[in-house]
N, C-alpha and C. Protein backbone atom coordinates (compact mmCIF):
# COMPACT_ATOMS: atom_id res chain seq x y z
N MET A 1 20.26 5.26 -2.67
CA MET A 1 19.05 5.45 -1.94
C MET A 1 19.43 6.10 -0.47
N GLN A 2 18.63 7.33 -0.23
CA GLN A 2 18.94 7.92 0.99
C GLN A 2 17.64 7.79 1.80
N TYR A 3 16.41 7.56 1.10
CA TYR A 3 15.26 7.53 1.91
C TYR A 3 14.39 6.17 1.54
N ALA A 4 13.72 5.63 2.31
CA ALA A 4 12.85 4.46 1.99
C ALA A 4 11.36 4.72 2.32
N ILE A 5 10.51 4.42 1.25
CA ILE A 5 9.14 4.67 1.45
C ILE A 5 8.35 3.31 1.15
N PHE A 6 7.48 2.89 1.94
CA PHE A 6 6.80 1.55 1.96
C PHE A 6 5.28 1.77 1.80
N ASP A 7 4.74 1.10 0.85
CA ASP A 7 3.21 0.79 0.89
C ASP A 7 3.03 0.06 2.14
N MET A 8 1.87 -0.09 2.46
CA MET A 8 1.45 -0.93 3.69
C MET A 8 0.64 -2.27 3.38
N ASP A 9 -0.47 -2.15 2.76
CA ASP A 9 -1.33 -3.23 2.58
C ASP A 9 -0.72 -4.14 1.43
N GLY A 10 -0.48 -5.36 1.70
CA GLY A 10 0.01 -6.33 0.79
C GLY A 10 1.48 -6.21 0.59
N LEU A 11 2.16 -5.30 1.35
CA LEU A 11 3.59 -5.06 1.05
C LEU A 11 4.27 -5.31 2.60
N LEU A 12 3.85 -4.48 3.41
CA LEU A 12 4.35 -4.77 4.85
C LEU A 12 3.55 -5.77 5.59
N ILE A 13 2.17 -5.75 5.39
CA ILE A 13 1.32 -6.61 6.12
C ILE A 13 0.51 -7.43 5.17
N ASP A 14 0.13 -8.59 5.38
CA ASP A 14 -0.56 -9.51 4.61
C ASP A 14 -2.07 -9.21 4.75
N SER A 15 -2.64 -7.94 4.38
CA SER A 15 -3.93 -7.50 4.74
C SER A 15 -4.78 -7.56 3.45
N GLU A 16 -4.25 -7.73 2.26
CA GLU A 16 -5.19 -7.75 1.06
C GLU A 16 -6.18 -8.89 1.19
N PRO A 17 -5.96 -10.06 1.70
CA PRO A 17 -7.06 -11.09 1.88
C PRO A 17 -8.20 -10.46 2.98
N VAL A 18 -7.76 -9.72 3.99
CA VAL A 18 -8.66 -9.13 4.91
C VAL A 18 -9.45 -8.05 4.19
N TRP A 19 -8.96 -7.11 3.40
CA TRP A 19 -9.53 -6.03 2.70
C TRP A 19 -10.61 -6.82 1.70
N LEU A 20 -10.13 -7.78 1.05
CA LEU A 20 -10.96 -8.40 0.09
C LEU A 20 -12.14 -9.05 0.62
N GLU A 21 -11.99 -9.85 1.70
CA GLU A 21 -13.05 -10.50 2.42
C GLU A 21 -14.03 -9.48 3.01
N THR A 22 -13.49 -8.30 3.48
CA THR A 22 -14.50 -7.38 4.08
C THR A 22 -15.20 -6.65 2.98
N GLN A 23 -14.51 -6.24 2.02
CA GLN A 23 -15.17 -5.54 0.83
C GLN A 23 -16.23 -6.50 0.24
N TYR A 24 -15.95 -7.78 0.04
CA TYR A 24 -16.90 -8.65 -0.44
C TYR A 24 -18.14 -8.68 0.52
N ALA A 25 -17.87 -8.76 1.82
CA ALA A 25 -18.86 -9.04 2.79
C ALA A 25 -19.79 -7.87 2.80
N VAL A 26 -19.17 -6.66 2.76
CA VAL A 26 -20.21 -5.49 2.99
C VAL A 26 -20.99 -5.08 1.71
N MET A 27 -20.38 -5.52 0.60
CA MET A 27 -21.19 -5.34 -0.61
C MET A 27 -22.25 -6.39 -0.75
N ARG A 28 -21.99 -7.55 -0.16
CA ARG A 28 -23.04 -8.65 -0.17
C ARG A 28 -24.20 -8.18 0.82
N ASP A 29 -23.75 -7.87 2.12
CA ASP A 29 -24.53 -7.64 3.15
C ASP A 29 -25.49 -6.41 2.98
N LEU A 30 -24.93 -5.44 2.45
CA LEU A 30 -25.77 -4.15 2.27
C LEU A 30 -26.50 -4.22 0.99
N TYR A 31 -25.95 -4.74 -0.14
CA TYR A 31 -26.54 -4.54 -1.45
C TYR A 31 -26.77 -5.87 -2.10
N GLY A 32 -26.36 -7.05 -1.71
CA GLY A 32 -26.53 -8.21 -2.33
C GLY A 32 -25.72 -8.34 -3.62
N VAL A 33 -24.53 -7.68 -3.67
CA VAL A 33 -23.74 -7.66 -4.81
C VAL A 33 -22.66 -8.56 -4.52
N THR A 34 -22.27 -9.43 -5.55
CA THR A 34 -21.12 -10.33 -5.38
C THR A 34 -19.94 -9.66 -6.29
N LEU A 35 -18.92 -9.33 -5.67
CA LEU A 35 -17.83 -8.75 -6.39
C LEU A 35 -17.02 -9.73 -7.24
N SER A 36 -16.56 -9.29 -8.46
CA SER A 36 -15.59 -10.18 -9.16
C SER A 36 -14.19 -9.87 -8.84
N GLU A 37 -13.22 -10.68 -9.19
CA GLU A 37 -11.90 -10.45 -8.89
C GLU A 37 -11.47 -9.10 -9.72
N ALA A 38 -11.91 -9.01 -10.91
CA ALA A 38 -11.62 -7.83 -11.75
C ALA A 38 -12.15 -6.50 -11.13
N ASP A 39 -13.29 -6.58 -10.53
CA ASP A 39 -13.90 -5.36 -9.69
C ASP A 39 -12.75 -4.93 -8.57
N TRP A 40 -12.33 -6.03 -7.86
CA TRP A 40 -11.38 -5.78 -6.75
C TRP A 40 -10.01 -5.24 -7.36
N ARG A 41 -9.48 -6.07 -8.31
CA ARG A 41 -8.18 -5.61 -8.86
C ARG A 41 -8.05 -4.22 -9.30
N SER A 42 -9.13 -3.82 -9.77
CA SER A 42 -9.19 -2.44 -10.53
C SER A 42 -8.93 -1.43 -9.39
N PHE A 43 -9.34 -1.59 -8.31
CA PHE A 43 -9.24 -0.62 -7.15
C PHE A 43 -8.08 -0.96 -6.17
N GLN A 44 -7.20 -2.04 -6.41
CA GLN A 44 -6.13 -2.38 -5.53
C GLN A 44 -5.14 -1.21 -5.49
N GLY A 45 -4.73 -0.81 -4.35
CA GLY A 45 -3.76 0.19 -4.19
C GLY A 45 -4.49 1.61 -3.96
N ARG A 46 -5.71 1.66 -4.11
CA ARG A 46 -6.46 3.03 -4.18
C ARG A 46 -7.12 3.04 -2.85
N SER A 47 -7.60 4.23 -2.44
CA SER A 47 -8.19 4.55 -1.14
C SER A 47 -9.73 3.82 -1.09
N SER A 48 -10.01 3.60 0.14
CA SER A 48 -11.34 2.96 0.43
C SER A 48 -12.43 3.99 -0.19
N ARG A 49 -12.28 5.31 -0.12
CA ARG A 49 -13.13 6.23 -0.54
C ARG A 49 -13.37 6.01 -2.02
N GLU A 50 -12.33 5.79 -2.81
CA GLU A 50 -12.42 5.62 -4.34
C GLU A 50 -13.08 4.40 -4.56
N PHE A 51 -12.73 3.34 -3.74
CA PHE A 51 -13.39 2.00 -3.90
C PHE A 51 -14.95 2.29 -3.88
N CYS A 52 -15.35 2.81 -2.79
CA CYS A 52 -16.74 2.86 -2.46
C CYS A 52 -17.50 3.86 -3.53
N GLN A 53 -16.78 4.88 -4.01
CA GLN A 53 -17.30 5.68 -5.04
C GLN A 53 -17.50 4.91 -6.28
N GLY A 54 -16.37 4.10 -6.56
CA GLY A 54 -16.49 3.26 -7.83
C GLY A 54 -17.57 2.24 -7.75
N MET A 55 -17.83 1.66 -6.55
CA MET A 55 -19.00 0.59 -6.43
C MET A 55 -20.19 1.33 -6.66
N ALA A 56 -20.41 2.53 -6.17
CA ALA A 56 -21.62 3.29 -6.42
C ALA A 56 -21.90 3.58 -7.75
N GLN A 57 -20.76 3.85 -8.64
CA GLN A 57 -20.96 4.08 -9.98
C GLN A 57 -21.25 2.83 -10.77
N LEU A 58 -20.60 1.68 -10.35
CA LEU A 58 -20.77 0.37 -11.09
C LEU A 58 -22.07 -0.38 -10.85
N HIS A 59 -22.62 0.03 -9.62
CA HIS A 59 -23.85 -0.71 -9.18
C HIS A 59 -24.95 0.29 -8.88
N VAL A 60 -25.25 1.15 -9.85
CA VAL A 60 -26.28 2.09 -9.58
C VAL A 60 -27.54 1.40 -9.46
N ASP A 61 -27.90 0.31 -10.22
CA ASP A 61 -29.18 -0.34 -10.11
C ASP A 61 -29.46 -1.04 -8.67
N GLN A 62 -28.31 -1.32 -8.01
CA GLN A 62 -28.51 -1.88 -6.62
C GLN A 62 -28.69 -0.70 -5.54
N GLY A 63 -28.51 0.52 -5.93
CA GLY A 63 -28.68 1.57 -5.07
C GLY A 63 -27.54 1.68 -4.15
N VAL A 64 -26.29 1.37 -4.56
CA VAL A 64 -25.10 1.54 -3.64
C VAL A 64 -24.89 2.89 -3.39
N ASP A 65 -24.81 3.17 -1.97
CA ASP A 65 -24.56 4.58 -1.46
C ASP A 65 -23.08 4.56 -0.94
N ALA A 66 -22.26 5.35 -1.53
CA ALA A 66 -20.71 5.43 -1.19
C ALA A 66 -20.56 5.72 0.17
N ASP A 67 -21.23 6.68 0.84
CA ASP A 67 -21.07 7.03 2.20
C ASP A 67 -21.45 6.03 3.11
N ALA A 68 -22.51 5.47 2.94
CA ALA A 68 -23.05 4.19 3.83
C ALA A 68 -21.90 2.98 3.70
N LEU A 69 -21.56 2.81 2.56
CA LEU A 69 -20.62 1.60 2.23
C LEU A 69 -19.38 1.91 2.89
N GLN A 70 -18.80 3.02 2.82
CA GLN A 70 -17.54 3.40 3.49
C GLN A 70 -17.60 3.23 4.94
N GLU A 71 -18.67 3.80 5.54
CA GLU A 71 -18.83 3.80 7.04
C GLU A 71 -18.69 2.40 7.51
N LEU A 72 -19.52 1.49 6.83
CA LEU A 72 -19.40 0.09 7.31
C LEU A 72 -18.09 -0.66 7.01
N LEU A 73 -17.49 -0.48 5.79
CA LEU A 73 -16.23 -0.96 5.37
C LEU A 73 -15.20 -0.48 6.36
N LEU A 74 -15.08 0.78 6.77
CA LEU A 74 -14.02 1.08 7.62
C LEU A 74 -14.31 0.65 9.10
N SER A 75 -15.49 0.58 9.50
CA SER A 75 -15.74 0.23 10.81
C SER A 75 -15.44 -1.08 10.94
N ARG A 76 -15.61 -2.04 10.01
CA ARG A 76 -15.21 -3.51 10.14
C ARG A 76 -13.72 -3.65 10.01
N MET A 77 -13.06 -2.90 9.05
CA MET A 77 -11.76 -3.04 8.89
C MET A 77 -10.79 -2.61 10.08
N LEU A 78 -11.28 -1.65 10.70
CA LEU A 78 -10.59 -1.09 11.88
C LEU A 78 -10.46 -2.27 12.99
N LYS A 79 -11.46 -3.06 13.02
CA LYS A 79 -11.48 -4.19 13.94
C LYS A 79 -10.46 -5.41 13.58
N VAL A 80 -10.23 -5.45 12.40
CA VAL A 80 -9.45 -6.64 11.94
C VAL A 80 -8.13 -6.32 11.36
N ILE A 81 -7.84 -5.02 10.97
CA ILE A 81 -6.58 -4.66 10.36
C ILE A 81 -5.29 -5.11 10.96
N THR A 82 -5.39 -5.01 12.39
CA THR A 82 -4.16 -5.47 13.20
C THR A 82 -3.99 -7.03 13.23
N ASP A 83 -4.94 -7.75 12.80
CA ASP A 83 -4.88 -9.20 12.76
C ASP A 83 -3.94 -9.68 11.56
N ALA A 84 -3.71 -8.78 10.61
CA ALA A 84 -2.91 -9.09 9.50
C ALA A 84 -1.60 -9.33 9.93
N PRO A 85 -0.93 -10.44 9.59
CA PRO A 85 0.54 -10.54 9.96
C PRO A 85 1.46 -9.82 8.98
N LEU A 86 2.63 -9.60 9.47
CA LEU A 86 3.71 -8.94 8.64
C LEU A 86 4.04 -9.88 7.35
N MET A 87 4.36 -9.37 6.26
CA MET A 87 4.70 -10.12 5.16
C MET A 87 6.15 -10.60 5.25
N PRO A 88 6.45 -11.72 4.58
CA PRO A 88 7.91 -12.35 4.68
C PRO A 88 8.86 -11.20 4.42
N GLY A 89 9.81 -11.12 5.31
CA GLY A 89 10.92 -10.16 5.19
C GLY A 89 10.72 -8.83 5.57
N ALA A 90 9.39 -8.51 5.98
CA ALA A 90 9.08 -7.01 6.25
C ALA A 90 9.90 -6.64 7.57
N ARG A 91 9.80 -7.51 8.62
CA ARG A 91 10.42 -7.21 9.84
C ARG A 91 11.98 -7.03 9.75
N GLU A 92 12.48 -7.95 9.03
CA GLU A 92 13.95 -7.94 8.84
C GLU A 92 14.43 -6.55 8.07
N MET A 93 13.47 -6.35 6.94
CA MET A 93 13.90 -5.18 6.11
C MET A 93 13.85 -3.89 6.76
N VAL A 94 12.67 -3.66 7.63
CA VAL A 94 12.64 -2.35 8.15
C VAL A 94 13.67 -2.14 9.39
N ASP A 95 13.86 -3.25 10.15
CA ASP A 95 14.63 -3.26 11.20
C ASP A 95 16.17 -2.85 10.69
N TRP A 96 16.61 -3.57 9.57
CA TRP A 96 17.89 -3.44 9.01
C TRP A 96 18.04 -1.90 8.45
N LEU A 97 17.05 -1.44 7.83
CA LEU A 97 17.24 -0.01 7.33
C LEU A 97 17.22 0.91 8.50
N SER A 98 16.38 0.74 9.52
CA SER A 98 16.38 1.66 10.58
C SER A 98 17.76 1.52 11.25
N GLU A 99 18.55 0.44 11.43
CA GLU A 99 19.85 0.32 11.94
C GLU A 99 20.77 1.02 11.19
N GLN A 100 20.55 1.08 9.83
CA GLN A 100 21.51 1.70 8.89
C GLN A 100 21.22 3.32 8.91
N GLN A 101 20.15 3.68 9.81
CA GLN A 101 19.82 5.12 9.94
C GLN A 101 19.28 5.65 8.63
N VAL A 102 18.71 4.87 7.83
CA VAL A 102 17.85 5.40 6.62
C VAL A 102 16.48 5.76 7.07
N PRO A 103 16.05 7.09 6.78
CA PRO A 103 14.83 7.60 7.19
C PRO A 103 13.76 6.80 6.44
N LEU A 104 12.67 6.40 7.19
CA LEU A 104 11.52 5.47 6.68
C LEU A 104 10.30 6.22 6.70
N ALA A 105 9.55 5.80 5.82
CA ALA A 105 8.14 6.29 5.81
C ALA A 105 7.18 5.28 5.19
N ILE A 106 5.91 5.39 5.59
CA ILE A 106 4.85 4.65 5.07
C ILE A 106 3.93 5.56 4.29
N ALA A 107 3.69 5.29 3.00
CA ALA A 107 2.64 6.00 2.08
C ALA A 107 1.63 4.99 1.72
N SER A 108 0.50 5.10 2.44
CA SER A 108 -0.46 4.04 2.15
C SER A 108 -1.82 4.69 1.76
N SER A 109 -2.68 3.96 0.94
CA SER A 109 -4.08 4.53 0.63
C SER A 109 -4.99 4.20 1.87
N SER A 110 -4.56 3.54 2.86
CA SER A 110 -5.46 3.27 4.03
C SER A 110 -5.63 4.51 4.82
N PRO A 111 -6.51 4.64 5.64
CA PRO A 111 -6.74 5.68 6.58
C PRO A 111 -5.61 5.81 7.55
N LEU A 112 -5.21 6.93 8.08
CA LEU A 112 -4.19 7.19 9.03
C LEU A 112 -4.29 6.37 10.20
N SER A 113 -5.55 6.24 10.68
CA SER A 113 -5.79 5.51 11.92
C SER A 113 -5.39 4.04 11.72
N PHE A 114 -5.63 3.51 10.63
CA PHE A 114 -5.20 2.14 10.12
C PHE A 114 -3.63 2.00 10.21
N ILE A 115 -2.92 2.97 9.55
CA ILE A 115 -1.62 2.90 9.68
C ILE A 115 -0.85 2.97 11.02
N GLU A 116 -1.44 3.93 11.85
CA GLU A 116 -0.98 4.11 13.16
C GLU A 116 -1.16 2.86 13.93
N ALA A 117 -2.38 2.17 13.73
CA ALA A 117 -2.74 0.98 14.51
C ALA A 117 -1.73 -0.27 14.15
N VAL A 118 -1.27 -0.28 12.78
CA VAL A 118 -0.46 -1.40 12.27
C VAL A 118 0.99 -1.20 12.85
N VAL A 119 1.37 0.09 12.76
CA VAL A 119 2.79 0.49 13.26
C VAL A 119 2.89 0.18 14.76
N GLU A 120 1.83 0.41 15.58
CA GLU A 120 1.87 0.30 16.91
C GLU A 120 1.87 -1.29 17.22
N ARG A 121 0.94 -1.94 16.50
CA ARG A 121 0.82 -3.40 16.63
C ARG A 121 2.10 -4.07 16.53
N HIS A 122 2.77 -3.85 15.59
CA HIS A 122 4.05 -4.51 15.07
C HIS A 122 5.31 -3.83 15.56
N SER A 123 5.19 -2.66 16.28
CA SER A 123 6.34 -2.04 16.77
C SER A 123 7.30 -1.60 15.63
N LEU A 124 6.88 -1.13 14.65
CA LEU A 124 7.66 -0.89 13.36
C LEU A 124 8.43 0.49 13.74
N PRO A 125 9.70 0.55 13.41
CA PRO A 125 10.37 1.87 13.71
C PRO A 125 10.21 2.69 12.51
N ILE A 126 9.05 3.23 12.25
CA ILE A 126 8.58 4.17 11.18
C ILE A 126 7.88 5.19 11.67
N TRP A 127 8.47 6.35 11.49
CA TRP A 127 7.82 7.63 12.27
C TRP A 127 6.99 8.58 11.20
N VAL A 128 7.35 8.57 9.96
CA VAL A 128 6.67 9.25 9.02
C VAL A 128 5.55 8.51 8.35
N LEU A 129 4.38 8.85 8.70
CA LEU A 129 3.23 8.16 8.22
C LEU A 129 2.28 9.00 7.24
N VAL A 130 1.95 8.57 6.09
CA VAL A 130 1.16 9.38 5.11
C VAL A 130 0.00 8.48 4.61
N SER A 131 -1.12 9.11 4.65
CA SER A 131 -2.43 8.29 4.18
C SER A 131 -2.86 9.02 2.88
N GLY A 132 -3.35 8.20 2.02
CA GLY A 132 -4.03 8.66 0.85
C GLY A 132 -5.22 9.65 1.10
N THR A 133 -5.84 9.42 2.25
CA THR A 133 -6.90 10.29 2.67
C THR A 133 -6.47 11.76 2.90
N GLU A 134 -5.13 11.97 3.06
CA GLU A 134 -4.73 13.22 3.28
C GLU A 134 -4.44 14.15 1.99
N VAL A 135 -4.68 13.55 0.84
CA VAL A 135 -4.38 14.26 -0.33
C VAL A 135 -5.57 14.25 -1.28
N PRO A 136 -5.71 15.10 -2.24
CA PRO A 136 -6.95 15.23 -3.04
C PRO A 136 -7.23 14.01 -3.84
N ARG A 137 -6.11 13.36 -4.38
CA ARG A 137 -6.24 12.18 -5.31
C ARG A 137 -5.25 11.12 -4.80
N SER A 138 -5.81 9.91 -4.73
CA SER A 138 -5.11 8.69 -4.19
C SER A 138 -4.24 8.06 -5.44
N LYS A 139 -3.47 7.07 -5.12
CA LYS A 139 -2.82 6.38 -6.13
C LYS A 139 -3.72 5.88 -7.15
N PRO A 140 -3.53 5.85 -8.49
CA PRO A 140 -2.03 6.07 -9.11
C PRO A 140 -1.66 7.51 -9.22
N HIS A 141 -2.39 8.54 -8.70
CA HIS A 141 -1.76 9.84 -8.75
C HIS A 141 -0.57 9.91 -7.69
N PRO A 142 0.49 10.67 -7.93
CA PRO A 142 1.71 10.70 -7.06
C PRO A 142 1.62 11.46 -5.73
N ALA A 143 0.44 12.09 -5.44
CA ALA A 143 0.47 13.02 -4.45
C ALA A 143 0.72 12.47 -3.15
N VAL A 144 0.43 11.30 -2.83
CA VAL A 144 0.72 10.66 -1.54
C VAL A 144 2.24 10.42 -1.23
N PHE A 145 2.91 10.05 -2.42
CA PHE A 145 4.47 10.00 -2.42
C PHE A 145 5.08 11.30 -2.23
N GLU A 146 4.59 12.25 -2.91
CA GLU A 146 5.04 13.56 -2.87
C GLU A 146 4.96 14.05 -1.44
N LEU A 147 3.82 13.89 -0.78
CA LEU A 147 3.60 14.35 0.65
C LEU A 147 4.67 13.42 1.45
N ALA A 148 4.83 12.39 1.31
CA ALA A 148 5.87 11.60 2.01
C ALA A 148 7.22 12.03 1.88
N ALA A 149 7.52 12.42 0.71
CA ALA A 149 8.83 13.08 0.38
C ALA A 149 9.04 14.32 1.23
N GLY A 150 8.01 15.16 1.22
CA GLY A 150 7.94 16.37 1.86
C GLY A 150 8.19 16.18 3.46
N ARG A 151 7.46 15.27 3.90
CA ARG A 151 7.52 15.00 5.31
C ARG A 151 9.02 14.51 5.78
N LEU A 152 9.57 13.79 4.82
CA LEU A 152 10.99 13.23 5.14
C LEU A 152 11.94 14.38 4.83
N GLY A 153 11.66 15.45 4.36
CA GLY A 153 12.53 16.46 3.89
C GLY A 153 13.48 15.91 2.73
N ALA A 154 12.91 15.20 1.77
CA ALA A 154 13.69 14.46 0.77
C ALA A 154 13.44 14.92 -0.53
N ASP A 155 14.50 14.82 -1.41
CA ASP A 155 14.39 15.16 -2.86
C ASP A 155 13.83 13.81 -3.28
N PRO A 156 12.68 13.83 -3.95
CA PRO A 156 11.97 12.68 -4.46
C PRO A 156 12.92 11.66 -5.18
N THR A 157 13.92 12.14 -5.95
CA THR A 157 14.77 11.34 -6.81
C THR A 157 15.69 10.55 -5.94
N LEU A 158 15.75 10.92 -4.53
CA LEU A 158 16.62 10.21 -3.56
C LEU A 158 15.82 9.05 -2.81
N CYS A 159 14.55 8.98 -3.22
CA CYS A 159 13.66 8.01 -2.40
C CYS A 159 13.51 6.79 -3.17
N ARG A 160 13.53 5.58 -2.49
CA ARG A 160 13.16 4.25 -3.16
C ARG A 160 11.83 3.88 -2.45
N VAL A 161 10.98 3.37 -3.22
CA VAL A 161 9.66 3.00 -2.96
C VAL A 161 9.49 1.54 -3.11
N TRP A 162 8.97 0.84 -2.17
CA TRP A 162 8.46 -0.59 -2.38
C TRP A 162 6.81 -0.64 -2.37
N GLU A 163 6.35 -1.18 -3.53
CA GLU A 163 5.08 -1.37 -3.79
C GLU A 163 4.51 -2.64 -4.30
N ASP A 164 3.33 -2.98 -3.87
CA ASP A 164 2.85 -4.35 -4.49
C ASP A 164 1.70 -4.27 -5.40
N SER A 165 1.28 -2.99 -5.73
CA SER A 165 0.18 -2.70 -6.61
C SER A 165 0.64 -2.03 -7.94
N VAL A 166 -0.02 -2.18 -9.03
CA VAL A 166 0.21 -1.54 -10.18
C VAL A 166 0.06 -0.05 -9.97
N ASN A 167 -1.21 0.26 -9.33
CA ASN A 167 -1.48 1.74 -9.12
C ASN A 167 -0.33 2.38 -8.21
N GLY A 168 0.15 1.72 -7.34
CA GLY A 168 1.28 2.20 -6.52
C GLY A 168 2.61 2.45 -7.24
N VAL A 169 2.90 1.63 -8.19
CA VAL A 169 4.12 1.56 -8.92
C VAL A 169 3.92 2.84 -9.85
N ILE A 170 2.78 3.08 -10.47
CA ILE A 170 2.60 4.10 -11.39
C ILE A 170 2.70 5.32 -10.60
N ALA A 171 2.12 5.50 -9.38
CA ALA A 171 2.21 6.69 -8.50
C ALA A 171 3.64 7.02 -8.18
N ALA A 172 4.50 6.01 -7.75
CA ALA A 172 5.84 6.39 -7.39
C ALA A 172 6.67 6.74 -8.60
N ARG A 173 6.49 6.15 -9.76
CA ARG A 173 7.20 6.48 -10.86
C ARG A 173 6.93 7.94 -11.18
N ALA A 174 5.58 8.34 -11.18
CA ALA A 174 5.16 9.68 -11.40
C ALA A 174 5.76 10.68 -10.48
N ALA A 175 6.06 10.25 -9.36
CA ALA A 175 6.67 11.15 -8.33
C ALA A 175 8.15 11.30 -8.54
N GLY A 176 8.68 10.56 -9.45
CA GLY A 176 10.22 10.65 -9.76
C GLY A 176 11.09 9.82 -8.85
N MET A 177 10.43 8.82 -8.26
CA MET A 177 11.19 7.91 -7.34
C MET A 177 11.56 6.64 -7.98
N ILE A 178 12.59 6.01 -7.31
CA ILE A 178 13.06 4.69 -7.74
C ILE A 178 12.07 3.74 -7.17
N VAL A 179 11.51 2.77 -7.88
CA VAL A 179 10.46 1.86 -7.53
C VAL A 179 10.82 0.37 -7.59
N THR A 180 10.64 -0.43 -6.48
CA THR A 180 10.73 -1.93 -6.44
C THR A 180 9.46 -2.41 -6.28
N ALA A 181 9.01 -3.17 -7.20
CA ALA A 181 7.59 -3.82 -7.15
C ALA A 181 7.78 -5.14 -6.62
N VAL A 182 6.92 -5.44 -5.62
CA VAL A 182 7.01 -6.79 -4.97
C VAL A 182 5.51 -7.35 -5.13
N PRO A 183 5.06 -7.73 -6.24
CA PRO A 183 3.73 -8.12 -6.73
C PRO A 183 3.31 -9.54 -6.12
N ASP A 184 1.97 -9.66 -6.00
CA ASP A 184 1.53 -11.10 -5.70
C ASP A 184 1.82 -11.75 -7.06
N LEU A 185 2.43 -12.88 -6.89
CA LEU A 185 2.84 -13.68 -8.08
C LEU A 185 1.59 -14.26 -8.86
N ALA A 186 0.41 -14.25 -8.01
CA ALA A 186 -0.91 -14.70 -8.64
C ALA A 186 -1.49 -13.63 -9.37
N HIS A 187 -0.95 -12.39 -9.47
CA HIS A 187 -1.58 -11.28 -10.12
C HIS A 187 -1.77 -11.67 -11.55
N PRO A 188 -3.09 -11.47 -12.11
CA PRO A 188 -3.34 -11.87 -13.49
C PRO A 188 -2.58 -11.20 -14.57
N ALA A 189 -1.97 -10.01 -14.20
CA ALA A 189 -1.25 -9.20 -15.30
C ALA A 189 0.12 -8.78 -14.79
N LEU A 190 0.99 -9.70 -14.49
CA LEU A 190 2.25 -9.32 -13.84
C LEU A 190 3.13 -8.48 -14.83
N GLN A 191 2.84 -8.46 -16.08
CA GLN A 191 3.48 -7.70 -17.15
C GLN A 191 3.37 -6.25 -16.79
N GLN A 192 2.31 -5.77 -16.23
CA GLN A 192 2.05 -4.33 -15.95
C GLN A 192 3.16 -3.87 -14.97
N PHE A 193 3.72 -4.75 -14.20
CA PHE A 193 4.68 -4.20 -13.28
C PHE A 193 6.09 -4.00 -13.92
N SER A 194 6.36 -4.23 -15.33
CA SER A 194 7.50 -3.98 -15.92
C SER A 194 7.96 -2.60 -15.91
N ILE A 195 7.14 -1.64 -15.60
CA ILE A 195 7.40 -0.18 -15.48
C ILE A 195 8.26 0.18 -14.18
N ALA A 196 8.32 -0.81 -13.23
CA ALA A 196 9.06 -0.61 -12.14
C ALA A 196 10.52 -0.68 -12.32
N ASP A 197 11.46 -0.10 -11.50
CA ASP A 197 12.80 -0.22 -11.82
C ASP A 197 13.42 -1.70 -11.50
N GLN A 198 12.69 -2.28 -10.41
CA GLN A 198 13.04 -3.72 -10.20
C GLN A 198 11.83 -4.44 -9.74
N ILE A 199 11.88 -5.69 -9.90
CA ILE A 199 10.82 -6.64 -9.46
C ILE A 199 11.31 -7.72 -8.50
N HIS A 200 10.89 -7.73 -7.36
CA HIS A 200 11.29 -8.70 -6.44
C HIS A 200 10.18 -9.69 -5.91
N SER A 201 10.43 -10.90 -5.66
CA SER A 201 9.44 -11.85 -5.20
C SER A 201 9.01 -11.52 -3.70
N ASN A 202 9.74 -10.94 -3.04
CA ASN A 202 9.43 -10.64 -1.57
C ASN A 202 10.53 -9.61 -1.00
N LEU A 203 10.25 -9.23 0.26
CA LEU A 203 11.14 -8.14 0.67
C LEU A 203 12.44 -8.87 1.26
N HIS A 204 12.52 -10.16 1.36
CA HIS A 204 13.73 -10.91 1.69
C HIS A 204 14.66 -10.65 0.54
N ASP A 205 14.24 -10.67 -0.70
CA ASP A 205 15.05 -10.42 -1.94
C ASP A 205 15.61 -9.06 -1.90
N SER A 206 14.80 -8.07 -1.53
CA SER A 206 15.23 -6.63 -1.41
C SER A 206 16.25 -6.42 -0.45
N LEU A 207 16.09 -7.09 0.73
CA LEU A 207 16.98 -6.98 1.83
C LEU A 207 18.42 -7.66 1.49
N VAL A 208 18.42 -8.69 0.79
CA VAL A 208 19.68 -9.28 0.44
C VAL A 208 20.41 -8.53 -0.65
N GLU A 209 19.71 -7.81 -1.54
CA GLU A 209 20.25 -6.89 -2.57
C GLU A 209 20.84 -5.59 -1.74
N LEU A 210 20.15 -5.08 -0.91
CA LEU A 210 20.72 -3.89 -0.10
C LEU A 210 21.82 -4.22 0.76
N GLN A 211 21.84 -5.44 1.46
CA GLN A 211 23.06 -5.75 2.12
C GLN A 211 24.20 -6.03 1.43
N ALA A 212 24.15 -6.53 0.21
CA ALA A 212 25.08 -6.83 -0.72
C ALA A 212 25.82 -5.52 -1.15
N LYS A 213 24.98 -4.54 -1.46
CA LYS A 213 25.46 -3.17 -1.86
C LYS A 213 26.09 -2.50 -0.82
N SER A 214 25.54 -2.90 0.39
CA SER A 214 26.28 -2.12 1.57
C SER A 214 27.61 -2.68 1.88
N ARG A 215 27.76 -3.97 1.69
CA ARG A 215 29.19 -4.55 1.87
C ARG A 215 30.14 -4.13 0.94
N LEU A 216 29.66 -3.84 -0.32
CA LEU A 216 30.67 -3.28 -1.42
C LEU A 216 31.05 -1.92 -1.17
N THR A 217 30.38 -1.15 -0.34
CA THR A 217 30.79 0.10 -0.05
C THR A 217 31.50 0.37 1.20
N GLU A 218 31.70 -0.84 2.01
CA GLU A 218 32.33 -0.65 3.27
C GLU A 218 33.86 -0.65 3.07
């Protein structure tokens, strides 16, 4: 591995509960719709725009408007995204890789303003930031990872990606990258992560692996 690329929501920061609560709230407040877990899981790892468009298609009878839904969703999320704490091992992992002079990137489906706010809030040493809103198609399409590799000046095959969603794993594999899945162990379909090169319980496990490999090459 010469380059490291991280997803953000649910991987670096524990923001999935915040997204879920906010998505539930805006659908309820605007349209009186109660989301099911299946509704939410199907859009995990995808952009807010795709979530809103999907809700408009699924709930036509309730008159869901994708633009109005996205405006309220992003407005509420921008106020709370920096409240999400770092995931276990995220600080240690990012700091160690930075000390090893491994170029780092975040490739997230979140808006760029969210990514910038999180990086600033937690003082993460990551300078290459890529949002799914910058590409025509979000995860599971590989475009966001391909753009991250381009900004890193990296051959995609030399990049290792850490992802917590099935859509993200699919996207990274499609980009030709090595993928470590760090899924929520409560995910109802953990077997879907078998397409990843590795599956770790948390970023602490990944850091231990990388440090062990580093010692072997010293």
